[in-house]
C-alpha cells in the first residue's frame, strides 16, 4: 500500500534540495544542509522491504541497478551533452565548468568514478550512486543481523563511526561515494527500523520478535509521547540560533564535510525525524505528492535548469550574479519556476522514456511511439 504522507515528505525534501542549491542566507543554508540529505536516506530505508529480497540477492542487485545506476549514467550523459552543446553554441563558453576544460578521457573517468565534485556540471547525481552503495551495505548487514536488533544497531553505529573517521583522516575519495555510504547507511538503517517499530498494522519484519520490537519501539519511537514535540522544538531553537549567530561551517555529505561527530548525527536525526513526525501528523498534499513521486527526475535535472533560469534572470534584469547572492526571495522564485518548468519534462519521461527514472518496462505511449516509426512508408 502506497503511503501518501511519505510521497509528500519526499516532495518537501526534494523542494528543499532545489531551494538549497541557490545562494541562500548563511543561516538558512546551514540549517537545510544539516538534515535534507539524511532525510532522503532515512526515507529510502523506510521504504525498503527486506523480506521481499531475503531469498535472492541477485534480484535485489538487479533491481537497484535498474532503478539507480541506469538513471545515473543516462542523466550524467544527457546533461553532459546539454552543457557541451551549450558551450559549443555560445562560444567562448557560458558554463565556466572545469569539467569541460579537461580531456575527454578525464571526463569519462569522472562519470565512471561518480563523485559529485568530479561530475561538476551536475553534482546532485552523487546521491544515486551513493544510495546504491548504501543499499548494498544495508542488505549485507541485514542478511546477517536483521533478526537481532541489538547487534544490527551496533553494526550500523560502527559503520557511522568509521564513515566519520574516514572523512577526517583519509585524504582520498572512494568511487561511487562508498566513503559517504558508510555514514549514510546509519540513516538508511534508522529509517527501516523506524518503520518496523511504528507501523504495527504491517506486522513484524522477518526475524523480529514482538517483545524486542515493542520494547525498543515504546522506548524510542512511540507516536504519542513527547519526542515529536521535542524534536520540532530543537529544530526551531537551532534555526533561531543560526539566525542569531550565522555560521558558514555547514554539513555537506557530498564532499565528506560533517563538522563535529555528535552535532552531525544529532542535527541530522532531529531534523529528519521532526519532518517525519510532522508529515505523519498533517498527512499529505497533492502537489507535494506529485514531486515526491518524481523526485528522482527533479534531482537529476533541476541543477542544469537552475543554471539556465539563473542566466535568463540575469540577462532579463541586466545585473551581475552577485546582486542575487544570499537573496531568499530570488532563490524561492527560481525554485518555484524550476519546479514548474520540470512538469512537462516529467510528463515526457514518465510517458515515453520511463527507464530514465528507473522504472521497469515501457509505457503504453512509448510502445505506441515505437510502433509509429516501424510503420512502412508508402
Protein backbone atom coordinates (compact mmCIF):
# COMPACT_ATOMS: atom_id res chain seq x y z
CA UNK A 1 0.00 0.00 0.00
CA UNK A 2 1.36 3.39 -1.02
CA UNK A 3 1.88 5.82 1.86
CA UNK A 4 0.76 9.27 0.71
CA UNK A 5 2.46 11.09 3.57
CA UNK A 6 5.79 9.55 2.54
CA UNK A 7 5.34 10.83 -1.02
CA UNK A 8 4.56 14.27 0.40
CA UNK A 9 7.62 14.07 2.66
CA UNK A 10 9.78 13.21 -0.36
CA UNK A 11 8.17 16.16 -2.13
CA UNK A 12 9.12 18.70 0.53
CA UNK A 13 12.56 17.06 0.73
CA UNK A 14 13.29 17.46 -2.98
CA UNK A 15 11.98 21.04 -2.87
CA UNK A 16 14.47 21.78 -0.10
CA UNK A 17 17.23 20.27 -2.27
CA UNK A 18 16.34 22.55 -5.18
CA UNK A 19 16.00 25.57 -2.89
CA UNK A 20 19.32 24.89 -1.14
CA UNK A 21 21.22 24.79 -4.43
CA UNK A 22 20.77 28.54 -4.77
CA UNK A 23 22.82 31.10 -2.89
CA UNK A 24 20.84 31.32 0.36
CA UNK A 25 21.46 33.33 3.52
CA UNK A 26 24.06 31.53 5.62
CA UNK A 27 21.71 30.56 8.46
CA UNK A 28 19.09 29.02 6.17
CA UNK A 29 21.72 27.28 4.05
CA UNK A 30 23.40 25.72 7.10
CA UNK A 31 20.08 24.62 8.57
CA UNK A 32 18.80 22.88 5.42
CA UNK A 33 22.10 21.12 4.73
CA UNK A 34 22.15 19.77 8.29
CA UNK A 35 19.36 17.28 7.55
CA UNK A 36 17.99 17.33 3.97
CA UNK A 37 20.18 14.52 2.55
CA UNK A 38 19.99 12.38 5.72
CA UNK A 39 16.21 12.73 5.36
CA UNK A 40 16.34 11.15 1.89
CA UNK A 41 18.45 8.24 3.11
CA UNK A 42 16.02 7.82 6.02
CA UNK A 43 13.02 7.76 3.66
CA UNK A 44 14.76 5.27 1.35
CA UNK A 45 15.36 2.96 4.29
CA UNK A 46 11.78 3.37 5.44
CA UNK A 47 10.50 2.25 2.03
CA UNK A 48 12.81 -0.78 1.73
CA UNK A 49 11.12 -4.15 2.29
CA UNK A 50 13.94 -6.50 3.25
CA UNK A 51 11.62 -9.52 3.34
CA UNK A 52 10.97 -9.14 -0.38
CA UNK A 53 14.63 -9.83 -1.20
CA UNK A 54 15.80 -12.21 1.54
CA UNK A 55 15.82 -15.16 -0.85
CA UNK A 56 17.62 -13.55 -3.78
CA UNK A 57 20.50 -11.10 -3.56
CA UNK A 58 20.73 -11.22 -7.37
CA UNK A 59 17.21 -9.86 -7.82
CA UNK A 60 17.96 -7.15 -5.27
CA UNK A 61 21.12 -6.00 -7.07
CA UNK A 62 19.45 -6.14 -10.48
CA UNK A 63 16.55 -4.05 -9.22
CA UNK A 64 18.88 -1.43 -7.74
CA UNK A 65 21.00 -1.28 -10.89
CA UNK A 66 17.87 -0.57 -12.93
CA UNK A 67 16.36 1.96 -10.51
CA UNK A 68 19.55 3.88 -9.56
CA UNK A 69 22.59 3.17 -11.74
CA UNK A 70 20.86 3.22 -15.14
CA UNK A 71 19.30 6.64 -14.33
CA UNK A 72 22.67 7.88 -13.06
CA UNK A 73 24.51 7.12 -16.30
CA UNK A 74 21.62 8.24 -18.51
CA UNK A 75 21.25 11.61 -16.80
CA UNK A 76 25.01 12.08 -16.45
CA UNK A 77 25.45 11.63 -20.20
CA UNK A 78 22.38 13.66 -21.17
CA UNK A 79 23.26 16.65 -19.01
CA UNK A 80 26.91 16.43 -20.09
CA UNK A 81 25.77 16.62 -23.71
CA UNK A 82 23.48 19.53 -22.85
CA UNK A 83 26.30 21.60 -21.32
CA UNK A 84 28.70 20.64 -24.10
CA UNK A 85 26.28 21.83 -26.78
CA UNK A 86 25.58 24.96 -24.76
CA UNK A 87 29.25 25.83 -24.65
CA UNK A 88 29.73 24.95 -28.31
CA UNK A 89 26.79 27.09 -29.40
CA UNK A 90 27.69 30.10 -27.23
CA UNK A 91 31.45 30.40 -27.62
CA UNK A 92 33.74 31.13 -25.85
CA UNK A 93 31.62 29.27 -23.31
CA UNK A 94 28.98 30.21 -20.77
CA UNK A 95 29.08 27.42 -18.22
CA UNK A 96 32.51 28.03 -16.65
CA UNK A 97 32.65 24.38 -15.58
CA UNK A 98 36.13 22.90 -15.14
CA UNK A 99 34.84 19.51 -16.26
CA UNK A 100 34.81 20.70 -19.88
CA UNK A 101 38.32 22.10 -19.71
CA UNK A 102 39.83 18.64 -19.21
CA UNK A 103 40.34 15.88 -21.76
CA UNK A 104 37.57 13.58 -22.97
CA UNK A 105 39.30 10.67 -21.23
CA UNK A 106 39.18 12.52 -17.91
CA UNK A 107 35.50 13.24 -18.50
CA UNK A 108 34.78 9.54 -18.98
CA UNK A 109 36.80 8.72 -15.84
CA UNK A 110 34.88 11.34 -13.84
CA UNK A 111 31.49 9.93 -14.82
CA UNK A 112 32.59 6.36 -14.10
CA UNK A 113 34.10 7.34 -10.73
CA UNK A 114 30.76 9.02 -9.97
CA UNK A 115 31.73 11.62 -7.36
CA UNK A 116 29.70 14.82 -7.16
CA UNK A 117 32.80 17.07 -7.16
CA UNK A 118 34.09 15.33 -10.31
CA UNK A 119 30.77 15.45 -12.18
CA UNK A 120 30.77 19.19 -11.54
CA UNK A 121 28.23 20.06 -14.23
CA UNK A 122 25.53 18.11 -12.35
CA UNK A 123 26.78 17.31 -8.82
CA UNK A 124 23.40 16.18 -7.34
CA UNK A 125 23.81 12.92 -9.26
CA UNK A 126 26.21 11.79 -6.50
CA UNK A 127 23.18 10.73 -4.48
CA UNK A 128 22.18 7.96 -6.92
CA UNK A 129 25.45 6.00 -6.77
CA UNK A 130 25.77 6.69 -3.04
CA UNK A 131 22.27 5.34 -2.39
CA UNK A 132 23.10 2.25 -4.45
CA UNK A 133 26.19 1.51 -2.32
CA UNK A 134 24.27 2.37 0.86
CA UNK A 135 21.58 -0.17 -0.01
CA UNK A 136 24.19 -2.83 -0.74
CA UNK A 137 25.77 -2.16 2.66
CA UNK A 138 22.43 -2.30 4.42
CA UNK A 139 21.48 -5.51 2.62
CA UNK A 140 24.76 -7.14 3.66
CA UNK A 141 24.25 -6.08 7.29
CA UNK A 142 20.62 -7.21 7.27
CA UNK A 143 21.41 -10.64 5.82
CA UNK A 144 23.45 -11.37 8.92
CA UNK A 145 21.78 -9.49 11.78
CA UNK A 146 18.28 -8.37 10.72
CA UNK A 147 16.72 -10.74 13.27
CA UNK A 148 18.86 -9.37 16.10
CA UNK A 149 18.03 -5.66 16.55
CA UNK A 150 20.71 -5.05 19.19
CA UNK A 151 23.58 -6.35 17.07
CA UNK A 152 22.11 -4.74 13.97
CA UNK A 153 22.04 -1.29 15.59
CA UNK A 154 25.58 -1.83 16.89
CA UNK A 155 26.80 -2.65 13.37
CA UNK A 156 25.13 0.46 11.94
CA UNK A 157 26.71 2.56 14.70
CA UNK A 158 30.15 1.14 13.95
CA UNK A 159 29.70 1.97 10.26
CA UNK A 160 28.70 5.53 11.14
CA UNK A 161 31.81 5.98 13.30
CA UNK A 162 34.01 4.52 10.56
CA UNK A 163 32.44 6.83 7.97
CA UNK A 164 33.12 9.87 10.14
CA UNK A 165 36.72 8.84 10.87
CA UNK A 166 37.29 8.28 7.16
CA UNK A 167 36.16 11.84 6.41
CA UNK A 168 38.62 13.21 8.96
CA UNK A 169 41.74 11.12 8.44
CA UNK A 170 41.73 9.71 4.89
CA UNK A 171 42.77 12.22 2.19
CA UNK A 172 41.33 10.46 -0.88
CA UNK A 173 37.82 9.66 -2.06
CA UNK A 174 36.37 6.25 -2.95
CA UNK A 175 34.45 5.56 -6.17
CA UNK A 176 30.67 5.72 -6.20
CA UNK A 177 30.74 7.59 -2.87
CA UNK A 178 31.48 4.44 -0.86
CA UNK A 179 33.02 6.67 1.80
CA UNK A 180 29.78 8.68 2.17
CA UNK A 181 27.73 5.47 2.23
CA UNK A 182 29.48 4.39 5.45
CA UNK A 183 27.72 7.27 7.21
CA UNK A 184 24.58 7.27 5.06
CA UNK A 185 23.73 3.67 5.97
CA UNK A 186 23.09 4.84 9.54
CA UNK A 187 20.18 7.00 8.35
CA UNK A 188 19.01 4.32 5.93
CA UNK A 189 19.00 1.69 8.66
CA UNK A 190 17.27 4.03 11.10
CA UNK A 191 14.52 4.64 8.54
CA UNK A 192 13.99 0.92 8.09
CA UNK A 193 13.89 0.25 11.84
CA UNK A 194 11.57 3.21 12.34
CA UNK A 195 9.03 1.60 10.03
CA UNK A 196 9.28 -1.71 11.88
CA UNK A 197 8.76 -0.10 15.26
CA UNK A 198 5.98 2.34 14.38
CA UNK A 199 3.66 0.62 11.91
CA UNK A 200 2.14 -2.21 13.89
CA UNK A 201 -0.55 -2.66 11.24
CA UNK A 202 2.07 -4.01 8.81
CA UNK A 203 3.15 -6.74 11.23
CA UNK A 204 6.67 -7.57 12.41
CA UNK A 205 9.52 -7.84 9.96
CA UNK A 206 11.40 -11.09 9.33
CA UNK A 207 13.23 -12.24 12.43
CA UNK A 208 11.94 -9.51 14.76
CA UNK A 209 10.41 -10.75 17.96
CA UNK A 210 7.31 -8.94 19.17
CA UNK A 211 8.85 -8.50 22.61
CA UNK A 212 12.10 -6.90 21.43
CA UNK A 213 10.49 -4.64 18.85
CA UNK A 214 7.80 -3.39 21.22
CA UNK A 215 10.36 -2.72 23.96
CA UNK A 216 12.57 -0.60 21.72
CA UNK A 217 9.62 0.99 19.99
CA UNK A 218 7.96 2.05 23.22
CA UNK A 219 11.23 3.43 24.48
CA UNK A 220 12.22 5.42 21.41
CA UNK A 221 9.56 5.81 18.74
CA UNK A 222 6.12 5.93 20.32
CA UNK A 223 3.96 8.37 18.45
CA UNK A 224 2.02 9.56 21.48
CA UNK A 225 4.99 10.60 23.65
CA UNK A 226 6.79 13.90 23.86
CA UNK A 227 9.50 13.06 21.31
CA UNK A 228 7.86 14.66 18.21
CA UNK A 229 7.31 17.95 20.01
CA UNK A 230 10.82 17.88 21.43
CA UNK A 231 12.38 17.31 18.00
CA UNK A 232 10.43 20.15 16.43
CA UNK A 233 11.37 22.42 19.34
CA UNK A 234 15.07 21.51 18.97
CA UNK A 235 14.93 22.39 15.27
CA UNK A 236 13.27 25.73 15.94
CA UNK A 237 15.91 26.58 18.55
CA UNK A 238 18.69 25.51 16.16
CA UNK A 239 17.33 27.65 13.34
CA UNK A 240 16.88 30.55 15.73
CA UNK A 241 20.46 30.13 16.94
CA UNK A 242 21.76 30.16 13.35
CA UNK A 243 19.76 33.29 12.57
CA UNK A 244 21.34 34.99 15.59
CA UNK A 245 24.83 33.54 15.12
CA UNK A 246 25.16 32.54 11.45
CA UNK A 247 27.98 30.17 10.55
CA UNK A 248 29.20 29.06 7.13
CA UNK A 249 30.52 25.79 8.59
CA UNK A 250 27.72 23.72 7.06
CA UNK A 251 27.40 19.98 6.59
CA UNK A 252 27.84 18.67 3.05
CA UNK A 253 27.81 14.89 2.73
CA UNK A 254 28.77 15.11 -0.94
CA UNK A 255 32.25 16.38 -0.03
CA UNK A 256 32.59 14.50 3.30
CA UNK A 257 32.11 17.66 5.33
CA UNK A 258 30.39 16.60 8.54
CA UNK A 259 31.61 19.04 11.18
CA UNK A 260 31.56 17.60 14.70
CA UNK A 261 30.65 13.93 15.09
CA UNK A 262 27.87 14.34 17.65
CA UNK A 263 26.48 17.55 16.16
CA UNK A 264 26.35 15.97 12.69
CA UNK A 265 24.27 12.98 13.74
CA UNK A 266 22.23 14.89 16.30
CA UNK A 267 21.03 17.64 13.96
CA UNK A 268 20.64 15.23 11.04
CA UNK A 269 18.39 12.91 13.03
CA UNK A 270 16.50 15.67 14.83
CA UNK A 271 15.77 17.48 11.54
CA UNK A 272 14.81 14.33 9.62
CA UNK A 273 12.62 12.93 12.41
CA UNK A 274 10.96 16.28 13.02
CA UNK A 275 9.77 16.34 9.40
CA UNK A 276 8.79 12.66 9.54
CA UNK A 277 6.61 13.14 12.60
CA UNK A 278 5.19 16.37 11.22
CA UNK A 279 4.10 14.76 7.95
CA UNK A 280 2.72 11.67 9.68
CA UNK A 281 0.55 14.08 11.64
CA UNK A 282 -0.60 16.53 8.98
CA UNK A 283 -1.00 13.99 6.19
CA UNK A 284 -0.49 14.73 2.52
CA UNK A 285 -0.70 17.26 -0.30
CA UNK A 286 -1.32 16.56 -3.98
CA UNK A 287 1.41 18.98 -5.10
CA UNK A 288 3.97 17.58 -2.67
CA UNK A 289 3.00 14.02 -3.59
CA UNK A 290 3.49 14.77 -7.29
CA UNK A 291 7.05 16.00 -6.79
CA UNK A 292 7.75 13.25 -4.27
CA UNK A 293 6.78 10.55 -6.75
CA UNK A 294 9.02 12.20 -9.36
CA UNK A 295 11.84 13.18 -7.01
CA UNK A 296 14.49 11.28 -9.00
CA UNK A 297 13.76 13.30 -12.15
CA UNK A 298 13.79 16.55 -10.18
CA UNK A 299 17.06 15.57 -8.51
CA UNK A 300 18.71 14.75 -11.84
CA UNK A 301 17.56 17.77 -13.87
CA UNK A 302 16.99 20.70 -11.52
CA UNK A 303 20.66 21.74 -11.44
CA UNK A 304 21.10 22.32 -15.21
CA UNK A 305 17.69 24.00 -15.29
CA UNK A 306 18.75 26.21 -12.37
CA UNK A 307 21.76 27.39 -14.38
CA UNK A 308 19.60 28.22 -17.39
CA UNK A 309 16.96 30.06 -15.33
CA UNK A 310 19.60 31.99 -13.40
CA UNK A 311 21.28 33.06 -16.65
CA UNK A 312 17.95 34.16 -18.12
CA UNK A 313 17.10 36.11 -14.97
CA UNK A 314 20.45 37.92 -15.03
CA UNK A 315 20.02 38.78 -18.71
CA UNK A 316 16.45 39.99 -18.13
CA UNK A 317 17.32 42.20 -15.15
CA UNK A 318 20.69 43.30 -16.56
CA UNK A 319 22.57 42.80 -13.29
CA UNK A 320 25.54 40.75 -12.09
CA UNK A 321 25.08 37.44 -10.29
CA UNK A 322 26.45 38.91 -7.05
CA UNK A 323 23.34 41.07 -6.87
CA UNK A 324 21.27 37.97 -6.07
CA UNK A 325 23.66 36.36 -3.58
CA UNK A 326 22.00 35.46 -0.27
CA UNK A 327 18.66 36.64 -1.60
CA UNK A 328 15.92 34.35 -0.27
CA UNK A 329 13.17 35.82 -2.46
CA UNK A 330 15.24 35.30 -5.63
CA UNK A 331 16.09 31.72 -4.63
CA UNK A 332 12.47 30.94 -3.80
CA UNK A 333 11.23 32.42 -7.08
CA UNK A 334 13.71 30.41 -9.15
CA UNK A 335 12.86 27.27 -7.15
CA UNK A 336 9.15 27.63 -7.95
CA UNK A 337 9.91 28.38 -11.60
CA UNK A 338 12.29 25.42 -11.77
CA UNK A 339 9.66 23.03 -10.40
CA UNK A 340 7.02 24.36 -12.80
CA UNK A 341 9.33 24.01 -15.81
CA UNK A 342 10.01 20.40 -14.88
CA UNK A 343 6.33 19.40 -15.13
CA UNK A 344 6.34 18.85 -18.95
CA UNK A 345 9.75 17.15 -18.68
CA UNK A 346 8.38 14.78 -16.05
CA UNK A 347 5.40 14.03 -18.28
CA UNK A 348 7.59 13.19 -21.28
CA UNK A 349 9.96 10.98 -19.28
CA UNK A 350 7.17 9.09 -17.48
CA UNK A 351 5.18 8.51 -20.65
CA UNK A 352 7.88 7.93 -23.26
CA UNK A 353 11.20 7.20 -21.54
CA UNK A 354 10.34 5.62 -18.15
CA UNK A 355 13.69 3.80 -17.98
CA UNK A 356 15.35 7.18 -17.35
CA UNK A 357 13.70 7.32 -13.94
CA UNK A 358 14.44 3.70 -13.14
CA UNK A 359 11.01 2.32 -13.91
CA UNK A 360 10.60 -1.18 -15.23
CA UNK A 361 9.29 -1.80 -18.73
CA UNK A 362 7.90 0.64 -21.26
CA UNK A 363 4.81 2.80 -21.07
CA UNK A 364 1.91 2.38 -23.50
CA UNK A 365 2.75 5.73 -25.04
CA UNK A 366 6.36 4.66 -25.64
CA UNK A 367 5.27 1.40 -27.30
CA UNK A 368 2.82 3.36 -29.45
CA UNK A 369 5.60 5.74 -30.48
CA UNK A 370 7.87 2.86 -31.45
CA UNK A 371 5.08 1.25 -33.46
CA UNK A 372 4.53 4.51 -35.31
CA UNK A 373 8.14 4.66 -36.51
CA UNK A 374 8.04 0.98 -37.51
CA UNK A 375 5.19 1.53 -39.95
CA UNK A 376 6.27 1.03 -43.57
CA UNK A 377 6.45 4.15 -45.66
CA UNK A 378 4.17 4.01 -48.75
